Structure formats: C-alpha cells, structure tokens
Amino acid sequence: MLRMTPPPEAASANTIPIRNVWHMLLYAWDMGQWIGSERVDRDTSPGLTAMLAKLLTELVTPLLHGRLQRAFDRHTAEIQGIRGRLELAQSIKRLSFQSGRAVCTFPQLTQDTLANRLLRATLTWLAASDEVDQPGEAFTELRHHLLAQTRQLDVASPIRVVPADFDRLQLGRNDAAYQAPMTLCRFVWERLMPLEAQGRSPLLGLLHDRKFLAEVFEAFLRNYYARRLRNCKVGRETLRWPLASEHRLVPQMKTDITIESVAPVRRRLVIDAKFYAHALVGQYQDSQKFSADNLYQLYAYLRTQEQVSEAHRTASGMLLYPWTSVALDETLHIQGHEITLATLDLTQPWAQIEGRLDALVAKFQDEGAPAAESNVVS
C-alpha cells in the first residue's frame, strides 16, 4: 500500500538544514573523512561560508608548514655575469655591461604560483565576508586564523580572482595536498561570489540552485556508498545497448550509481538519483502515480543488460528521491527485477539520514562491515 505521510515540514531546497547541506558537500567532494571533525563541524558555524572557512584553514595549515607549492617561473633581472638568456637590448639601455652586469631571463624557483595566489585571495575574501565578520569568540578566532594564514601567504601576489583561473590551474603529482583546498576555493568563487555581487545571500543562492543541488545529491550518494560498502564496486557506469551493430544516433545510457558486490555473491543495484520537488505526478493526491519517465528509464537500464551475466539478469534498481511532500518506500517486481522507489528525508538529523541510506542497501552490507576507505570507481 502506498504511504502518503507528509513530513512535519515539506523538504525543499530551502528547508534542508545547513549542516546536512554541508555533509552532502563533503561527501560530494569525496572528503567524507571530515564528517564529524570537531574542528570543522561544531555548532558555532551556522552558515556555509563559515564552515568552508573552517575547513579551508584546516587544509591550509599543513601546506604552510613547509609544503607550499614551488614552481619554476621565468624571471628577468639585472645580475652579475650572465645566466639563462641574455636580454641584449635591455642590457645596453641600462648600461649594465659597464658595471660587469647584464639583464638576463632565467628560470627561478618561486612560491608565487597560481595555486598559492588563489589560496591567498580566498582566505582574504573569507576573512572579510559578512558571515565570518561577526561578533563572538568563535568568529574572532576564525578571522584570526584566516588573516594569519593570509599573512603567511604573502609570498604569493594578490590577484583578482575569476572562475577561469581554476581552468588554468595545473597540479602535478606532488601537489596532492592542494586538491581539496583548490576544490573549496573554486566552490567559493564560482558559487558564492557571483551571488554576492547580485546582492543575494551565498547560502540562499546555493539552495536555490536546483541543478547544482541535484549534482551534489547524486555525488553525495555515490561517494557515501563507496565509503560505506566493503567488497563492492561503486561508481557511474556506461551501459551498452544490445544492438546488432553500433548506431551513432542511439542515446547513451549512463547510470548515476551502480553498486556491484564482488564476493561472496555477485549482486547488482542501479540507483537513479532524482532531486525533484515531487516524487509522484498527478494533479490530485488520490490520483498520483510514479513518474513514468523515471520508471521507464530505470527499466531500460535493467532489461537491456540481462544478456551480460547472471548478476545483470537479476539486477535490482532504485529510484531515490529527497523527501518532499510524500514518503515513499515501495517495491515492484518486474520480469525478474526488483525495483524500489524510495525517498530520503534530508531534514532529519544526519545520523538518521545515514541509517536510512544503510537500510536501503542492507543486502550489500551483509557482504561485510562498512569500509574505511573509498571504493569509488569511474
């Protein structure tokens, strides 16, 4: 029987508690290890910007302890002797040769890199943001850390950041410690600053961006299960149509989340994450139905793969929605496939959200205890 239980307050992008948005972001960025960190997850951070600032200061601290990025850059200066490429015209103009000197361009190791400039600019902006520049001991301490780290980054030139700067950013094999800080910096500038310029709250703008939240919801679910499930492969998967020959006009099928256990019993679950305002369609409550488009899509993902293996032939599917105006926990059996239609109440305390997610994949958790490391695959 379909249960139509409305929550106390219908969940929407605007009613998801900020702490839950924060946890979803950490998982979406594959930083789930920070969940529950006392230093970045305490109640004294009521807004997203302050939480971002706290996490960034934590990530920047080890970089400032001798791990700041260094790179060779082309440097032109008047020096004693000749080094690198001689700049003859400039040397003659400055009369450098008369004093035994020359203007040369040569490679020089520097910490004035684009990554360090972006760090300095982001820390500076966060320290001055309205959400951090508030009265209270906790905010004073946070501003102090932000400003102190900004001063320590004075080896980097101040810049006016534009989102395109992050497209030019190149991080090498030795720059793994910069991946997470740069992710946070990019998020600040691409998601918060444009909304600030329009006079809107960063958080309000973020929570109105449904396309962005849909992407976060999907990535959060995928990375949560990748960290949680042992003996399972978790990731997106491109499915092949069972065609006699390839055809360029056939649309691609790509799952949001595929979970496949590898031992002792091979199981498959395809999850389609739907960040929709309504899980059911229909003008009146007593005539509402499952979305045909969503159901057909998942049905195609399952039926078209049956010839691949026994696990594919008996694979399960799930349509997972955030809890909006109706709670769903329904199971259909269609031609050998179990299809679940479920909702996740994002307004609940985080522990209850995790409990709900674990319950939805209980048959995979039977294969082993929760994993400590990410198993995510592309």
Protein backbone atom coordinates (compact mmCIF):
# COMPACT_ATOMS: atom_id res chain seq x y z
CA MET A 1 0.00 0.00 0.00
CA LEU A 2 1.35 3.42 -0.94
CA ARG A 3 2.08 5.52 2.12
CA MET A 4 1.30 9.22 1.73
CA THR A 5 2.72 10.51 5.01
CA PRO A 6 3.62 14.20 4.81
CA PRO A 7 6.66 15.31 6.84
CA PRO A 8 6.26 18.00 9.52
CA GLU A 9 7.64 20.48 7.03
CA ALA A 10 7.84 19.52 3.38
CA ALA A 11 11.51 19.29 2.46
CA SER A 12 12.64 21.60 -0.29
CA ALA A 13 15.93 23.10 -1.30
CA ASN A 14 15.22 25.90 1.16
CA THR A 15 14.39 23.72 4.20
CA ILE A 16 17.35 21.33 4.16
CA PRO A 17 19.35 22.18 7.31
CA ILE A 18 22.64 23.85 6.53
CA ARG A 19 24.53 21.13 8.43
CA ASN A 20 23.04 18.48 6.15
CA VAL A 21 23.95 20.50 3.05
CA TRP A 22 27.46 20.71 4.47
CA HIS A 23 27.69 16.94 4.98
CA MET A 24 26.38 16.31 1.47
CA LEU A 25 29.02 18.66 0.07
CA LEU A 26 31.82 16.90 1.94
CA TYR A 27 30.76 13.54 0.54
CA ALA A 28 30.22 15.00 -2.94
CA TRP A 29 33.79 16.35 -2.85
CA ASP A 30 34.98 12.90 -1.64
CA MET A 31 36.00 14.38 1.71
CA GLY A 32 33.75 12.20 3.84
CA GLN A 33 36.58 11.70 6.35
CA TRP A 34 35.86 15.23 7.59
CA ILE A 35 32.33 14.33 8.69
CA GLY A 36 32.19 14.67 12.47
CA SER A 37 35.50 16.54 12.70
CA GLU A 38 35.12 18.64 15.84
CA ARG A 39 37.24 21.42 14.40
CA VAL A 40 35.15 21.95 11.28
CA ASP A 41 31.74 20.62 12.29
CA ARG A 42 30.85 22.36 15.53
CA ASP A 43 27.59 24.19 16.19
CA THR A 44 29.28 27.60 16.24
CA SER A 45 29.24 27.67 12.43
CA PRO A 46 25.64 28.46 11.49
CA GLY A 47 26.34 29.18 7.85
CA LEU A 48 28.00 27.52 4.91
CA THR A 49 30.62 30.24 4.39
CA ALA A 50 31.92 29.92 7.96
CA MET A 51 32.06 26.14 7.56
CA LEU A 52 34.01 26.49 4.34
CA ALA A 53 36.39 28.91 6.04
CA LYS A 54 36.99 26.49 8.91
CA LEU A 55 37.70 23.57 6.63
CA LEU A 56 39.99 25.65 4.39
CA THR A 57 42.08 26.80 7.35
CA GLU A 58 42.45 23.16 8.41
CA LEU A 59 43.59 22.12 4.95
CA VAL A 60 45.96 25.07 4.50
CA THR A 61 47.75 24.57 7.86
CA PRO A 62 49.96 21.64 6.72
CA LEU A 63 50.76 23.48 3.50
CA LEU A 64 52.16 26.40 5.48
CA HIS A 65 54.38 24.03 7.46
CA GLY A 66 56.90 23.57 4.68
CA ARG A 67 54.67 22.13 1.98
CA LEU A 68 53.78 25.24 -0.01
CA GLN A 69 53.87 24.64 -3.72
CA ARG A 70 57.02 25.74 -5.53
CA ALA A 71 57.47 26.03 -9.26
CA PHE A 72 59.96 27.38 -11.75
CA ASP A 73 58.98 30.67 -13.33
CA ARG A 74 60.67 32.87 -15.90
CA HIS A 75 62.35 35.77 -14.12
CA THR A 76 64.06 38.77 -15.69
CA ALA A 77 66.59 40.76 -13.66
CA GLU A 78 69.89 42.58 -13.83
CA ILE A 79 72.51 40.27 -12.37
CA GLN A 80 76.26 39.90 -12.05
CA GLY A 81 77.52 37.90 -15.01
CA ILE A 82 75.25 36.07 -17.45
CA ARG A 83 72.62 33.47 -16.62
CA GLY A 84 69.95 31.97 -18.84
CA ARG A 85 69.04 34.16 -21.83
CA LEU A 86 70.84 37.47 -22.28
CA GLU A 87 68.47 40.40 -22.87
CA LEU A 88 70.89 42.41 -25.02
CA ALA A 89 68.67 45.41 -25.77
CA GLN A 90 67.74 45.95 -22.14
CA SER A 91 71.33 45.47 -21.01
CA ILE A 92 72.55 48.17 -23.43
CA LYS A 93 69.70 50.51 -22.44
CA ARG A 94 70.55 50.20 -18.75
CA LEU A 95 74.33 50.43 -19.36
CA SER A 96 74.64 47.18 -17.44
CA PHE A 97 77.81 46.00 -19.18
CA GLN A 98 79.79 48.98 -17.83
CA SER A 99 79.43 47.61 -14.31
CA GLY A 100 80.02 43.97 -15.26
CA ARG A 101 76.32 43.15 -15.08
CA ALA A 102 73.68 42.05 -17.58
CA VAL A 103 69.92 41.79 -17.87
CA CYS A 104 69.01 38.11 -18.18
CA THR A 105 65.89 35.96 -18.21
CA PHE A 106 66.28 32.70 -16.33
CA PRO A 107 64.17 30.09 -14.50
CA GLN A 108 63.75 30.73 -10.81
CA LEU A 109 62.10 28.57 -8.14
CA THR A 110 59.27 30.52 -6.56
CA GLN A 111 56.26 30.09 -4.29
CA ASP A 112 54.40 32.82 -6.15
CA THR A 113 52.32 30.23 -8.03
CA LEU A 114 48.73 30.45 -9.24
CA ALA A 115 47.58 27.94 -6.62
CA ASN A 116 49.11 29.97 -3.78
CA ARG A 117 47.65 33.18 -5.20
CA LEU A 118 44.20 31.59 -5.25
CA LEU A 119 44.64 30.41 -1.66
CA ARG A 120 45.64 33.88 -0.51
CA ALA A 121 42.77 35.57 -2.34
CA THR A 122 40.20 33.10 -1.00
CA LEU A 123 41.39 33.37 2.60
CA THR A 124 41.30 37.16 2.32
CA TRP A 125 37.75 37.14 0.96
CA LEU A 126 36.50 34.69 3.59
CA ALA A 127 38.01 36.75 6.42
CA ALA A 128 36.06 39.79 5.23
CA SER A 129 32.77 38.02 4.47
CA ASP A 130 29.72 39.05 6.47
CA GLU A 131 29.16 35.52 7.71
CA VAL A 132 32.63 35.36 9.29
CA ASP A 133 32.94 39.03 10.33
CA GLN A 134 30.51 38.67 13.23
CA PRO A 135 30.75 39.25 16.98
CA GLY A 136 31.60 36.28 19.16
CA GLU A 137 34.70 34.43 20.33
CA ALA A 138 34.37 31.65 17.77
CA PHE A 139 34.19 34.06 14.84
CA THR A 140 37.04 36.18 16.23
CA GLU A 141 39.21 33.06 16.40
CA LEU A 142 38.24 32.04 12.88
CA ARG A 143 39.03 35.51 11.48
CA HIS A 144 42.36 35.43 13.31
CA HIS A 145 43.31 32.13 11.65
CA LEU A 146 42.22 33.36 8.23
CA LEU A 147 44.20 36.61 8.50
CA ALA A 148 47.25 34.86 9.94
CA GLN A 149 47.32 32.41 7.07
CA THR A 150 46.86 35.26 4.60
CA ARG A 151 49.98 36.94 6.02
CA GLN A 152 51.91 33.68 5.78
CA LEU A 153 50.94 33.52 2.12
CA ASP A 154 52.42 36.93 1.33
CA VAL A 155 54.93 35.04 -0.87
CA ALA A 156 52.05 34.92 -3.38
CA SER A 157 50.93 38.01 -5.26
CA PRO A 158 47.42 39.35 -4.59
CA ILE A 159 45.11 38.78 -7.54
CA ARG A 160 41.53 39.49 -8.57
CA VAL A 161 40.09 36.01 -8.97
CA VAL A 162 37.90 34.98 -11.88
CA PRO A 163 36.48 31.45 -12.29
CA ALA A 164 38.66 30.91 -15.39
CA ASP A 165 41.74 30.95 -13.14
CA PHE A 166 40.84 27.47 -11.97
CA ASP A 167 40.76 26.18 -15.54
CA ARG A 168 44.37 27.34 -15.93
CA LEU A 169 45.42 25.65 -12.71
CA GLN A 170 47.84 22.75 -13.16
CA LEU A 171 48.57 20.47 -10.22
CA GLY A 172 51.26 17.86 -10.55
CA ARG A 173 51.88 14.52 -8.88
CA ASN A 174 53.48 16.23 -5.89
CA ASP A 175 50.54 18.57 -5.35
CA ALA A 176 48.02 16.09 -3.93
CA ALA A 177 47.66 18.21 -0.78
CA TYR A 178 46.34 21.06 -2.95
CA GLN A 179 43.45 19.11 -4.47
CA ALA A 180 41.00 19.59 -1.59
CA PRO A 181 41.89 23.27 -0.88
CA MET A 182 41.54 24.12 -4.56
CA THR A 183 38.15 22.38 -4.67
CA LEU A 184 36.97 24.56 -1.79
CA CYS A 185 38.43 27.72 -3.34
CA ARG A 186 36.77 27.03 -6.66
CA PHE A 187 33.45 26.43 -4.92
CA VAL A 188 33.74 29.75 -3.07
CA TRP A 189 34.41 31.78 -6.19
CA GLU A 190 32.10 30.02 -8.64
CA ARG A 191 29.12 29.50 -6.32
CA LEU A 192 29.29 32.27 -3.76
CA MET A 193 30.89 35.35 -5.23
CA PRO A 194 28.58 35.83 -8.25
CA LEU A 195 25.56 35.60 -5.94
CA GLU A 196 27.12 38.11 -3.55
CA ALA A 197 27.59 40.54 -6.43
CA GLN A 198 23.87 40.29 -7.13
CA GLY A 199 23.11 41.21 -3.55
CA ARG A 200 21.90 37.75 -2.53
CA SER A 201 22.95 35.62 0.39
CA PRO A 202 25.54 32.99 -0.65
CA LEU A 203 23.63 30.26 1.14
CA LEU A 204 20.26 31.37 -0.20
CA GLY A 205 21.63 31.42 -3.72
CA LEU A 206 23.19 27.99 -3.29
CA LEU A 207 19.97 26.44 -2.04
CA HIS A 208 18.02 27.93 -4.95
CA ASP A 209 20.39 26.37 -7.47
CA ARG A 210 18.50 23.12 -8.10
CA LYS A 211 20.81 21.94 -10.87
CA PHE A 212 23.79 22.27 -8.55
CA LEU A 213 21.98 20.55 -5.67
CA ALA A 214 20.95 17.71 -7.98
CA GLU A 215 24.60 17.16 -8.88
CA VAL A 216 25.59 17.29 -5.21
CA PHE A 217 22.80 14.85 -4.26
CA GLU A 218 23.98 12.31 -6.84
CA ALA A 219 27.69 12.65 -6.00
CA PHE A 220 26.92 12.51 -2.27
CA LEU A 221 25.03 9.23 -2.62
CA ARG A 222 27.71 7.70 -4.83
CA ASN A 223 30.61 8.63 -2.55
CA TYR A 224 28.71 7.76 0.61
CA TYR A 225 28.12 4.20 -0.59
CA ALA A 226 31.66 3.95 -1.94
CA ARG A 227 32.97 4.65 1.55
CA ARG A 228 30.34 2.57 3.32
CA LEU A 229 30.26 -0.72 1.42
CA ARG A 230 33.01 -3.30 1.58
CA ASN A 231 33.58 -5.85 -1.21
CA CYS A 232 31.63 -3.64 -3.59
CA LYS A 233 32.45 -1.55 -6.62
CA VAL A 234 30.56 1.75 -6.62
CA GLY A 235 30.51 4.28 -9.43
CA ARG A 236 28.89 5.54 -12.58
CA GLU A 237 28.58 3.09 -15.44
CA THR A 238 28.05 3.47 -19.16
CA LEU A 239 25.71 0.75 -20.40
CA ARG A 240 25.71 -0.70 -23.90
CA TRP A 241 22.56 -1.22 -25.90
CA PRO A 242 22.20 -4.85 -27.13
CA LEU A 243 22.38 -3.77 -30.75
CA ALA A 244 23.32 -5.99 -33.69
CA SER A 245 25.60 -3.14 -34.80
CA GLU A 246 26.51 0.26 -33.40
CA HIS A 247 24.46 3.28 -34.43
CA ARG A 248 25.57 6.86 -33.86
CA LEU A 249 22.04 8.14 -33.16
CA VAL A 250 21.32 5.78 -30.28
CA PRO A 251 21.41 7.75 -26.99
CA GLN A 252 23.95 6.83 -24.34
CA MET A 253 22.83 5.14 -21.14
CA LYS A 254 24.82 6.19 -18.09
CA THR A 255 23.81 5.26 -14.56
CA ASP A 256 24.01 7.66 -11.64
CA ILE A 257 25.20 4.95 -9.26
CA THR A 258 25.95 1.28 -9.84
CA ILE A 259 26.73 -0.94 -6.85
CA GLU A 260 28.16 -4.36 -7.60
CA SER A 261 29.30 -6.76 -4.91
CA VAL A 262 32.26 -8.92 -5.79
CA ALA A 263 32.12 -11.54 -3.01
CA PRO A 264 30.79 -13.91 -1.92
CA VAL A 265 27.64 -13.49 -4.04
CA ARG A 266 27.66 -11.17 -7.03
CA ARG A 267 24.78 -8.69 -6.83
CA ARG A 268 23.98 -5.55 -8.79
CA LEU A 269 21.97 -2.46 -7.88
CA VAL A 270 21.41 0.51 -10.19
CA ILE A 271 20.36 3.70 -8.39
CA ASP A 272 18.88 6.68 -10.20
CA ALA A 273 19.08 9.80 -8.01
CA LYS A 274 16.22 12.21 -8.66
CA PHE A 275 16.43 15.59 -6.93
CA TYR A 276 12.86 16.54 -7.80
CA ALA A 277 10.35 18.65 -5.92
CA HIS A 278 7.78 15.84 -6.27
CA ALA A 279 8.34 12.10 -6.40
CA LEU A 280 4.83 11.43 -7.70
CA VAL A 281 3.00 13.03 -10.59
CA GLY A 282 -0.68 13.85 -10.88
CA GLN A 283 -2.89 16.82 -10.14
CA TYR A 284 -4.73 15.29 -7.18
CA GLN A 285 -3.35 13.24 -4.30
CA ASP A 286 -5.68 10.29 -4.83
CA SER A 287 -4.68 10.04 -8.50
CA GLN A 288 -0.91 10.47 -8.14
CA LYS A 289 1.37 7.85 -9.73
CA PHE A 290 5.03 7.07 -10.08
CA SER A 291 6.74 9.12 -12.80
CA ALA A 292 6.50 7.05 -15.97
CA ASP A 293 9.64 8.61 -17.47
CA ASN A 294 11.72 7.77 -14.40
CA LEU A 295 10.38 4.24 -14.21
CA TYR A 296 10.88 3.59 -17.94
CA GLN A 297 14.47 4.87 -17.74
CA LEU A 298 15.41 2.56 -14.88
CA TYR A 299 13.54 -0.33 -16.51
CA ALA A 300 15.64 0.15 -19.65
CA TYR A 301 18.85 0.17 -17.60
CA LEU A 302 17.95 -3.24 -16.19
CA ARG A 303 16.32 -5.08 -19.09
CA THR A 304 18.85 -4.10 -21.76
CA GLN A 305 21.72 -5.65 -19.76
CA GLU A 306 20.23 -9.06 -18.99
CA GLN A 307 22.42 -10.87 -21.52
CA VAL A 308 25.67 -9.68 -19.88
CA SER A 309 25.71 -12.01 -16.86
CA GLU A 310 23.54 -13.74 -14.26
CA ALA A 311 24.05 -10.77 -11.92
CA HIS A 312 22.76 -8.45 -14.66
CA ARG A 313 19.79 -10.74 -15.32
CA THR A 314 18.67 -10.46 -11.68
CA ALA A 315 19.88 -6.91 -11.01
CA SER A 316 17.85 -4.59 -8.80
CA GLY A 317 17.04 -0.95 -9.40
CA MET A 318 16.17 2.02 -7.22
CA LEU A 319 14.68 5.45 -7.81
CA LEU A 320 15.77 7.59 -4.87
CA TYR A 321 14.18 10.99 -4.24
CA PRO A 322 14.60 13.51 -1.45
CA TRP A 323 11.51 13.52 0.78
CA THR A 324 9.35 16.40 -0.37
CA SER A 325 5.60 16.11 0.10
CA VAL A 326 5.31 12.33 0.32
CA ALA A 327 7.30 9.47 1.86
CA LEU A 328 7.91 6.51 -0.43
CA ASP A 329 9.20 3.04 0.34
CA GLU A 330 7.70 0.85 -2.36
CA THR A 331 8.99 -2.28 -4.09
CA LEU A 332 7.93 -3.57 -7.51
CA HIS A 333 8.87 -6.91 -9.10
CA ILE A 334 9.02 -6.63 -12.87
CA GLN A 335 10.19 -9.54 -15.03
CA GLY A 336 12.72 -10.80 -12.52
CA HIS A 337 13.94 -7.39 -11.38
CA GLU A 338 13.23 -5.81 -8.02
CA ILE A 339 12.68 -2.05 -8.33
CA THR A 340 12.49 0.13 -5.24
CA LEU A 341 11.03 3.64 -5.18
CA ALA A 342 12.18 5.41 -2.04
CA THR A 343 12.59 8.83 -0.51
CA LEU A 344 15.31 10.22 1.75
CA ASP A 345 14.29 12.85 4.31
CA LEU A 346 17.10 15.41 4.18
CA THR A 347 15.55 17.43 7.02
CA GLN A 348 16.31 14.72 9.59
CA PRO A 349 19.37 14.62 11.88
CA TRP A 350 22.37 13.34 9.96
CA ALA A 351 22.60 10.08 11.90
CA GLN A 352 19.07 9.19 10.80
CA ILE A 353 19.91 10.02 7.18
CA GLU A 354 22.88 7.64 7.33
CA GLY A 355 20.69 4.98 8.93
CA ARG A 356 18.15 5.31 6.13
CA LEU A 357 20.84 5.08 3.44
CA ASP A 358 22.33 1.99 5.06
CA ALA A 359 18.92 0.33 5.30
CA LEU A 360 18.28 0.87 1.59
CA VAL A 361 21.32 -1.26 0.68
CA ALA A 362 21.13 -3.73 3.57
CA LYS A 363 21.65 -6.74 1.30
CA PHE A 364 25.01 -5.34 0.24
CA GLN A 365 26.08 -4.59 3.80
CA ASP A 366 25.53 -8.25 4.60
CA GLU A 367 28.60 -8.91 2.46
CA GLY A 368 30.84 -7.23 5.04
CA ALA A 369 31.29 -4.40 7.50
CA PRO A 370 31.42 -0.74 6.41
CA ALA A 371 34.61 0.10 4.58
CA ALA A 372 37.07 2.62 5.94
CA GLU A 373 38.35 3.74 2.55
CA SER A 374 36.69 4.94 -0.61
CA ASN A 375 35.87 2.30 -3.23
CA VAL A 376 34.59 4.76 -5.78
CA VAL A 377 35.23 3.88 -9.40
CA SER A 378 34.51 5.83 -12.54
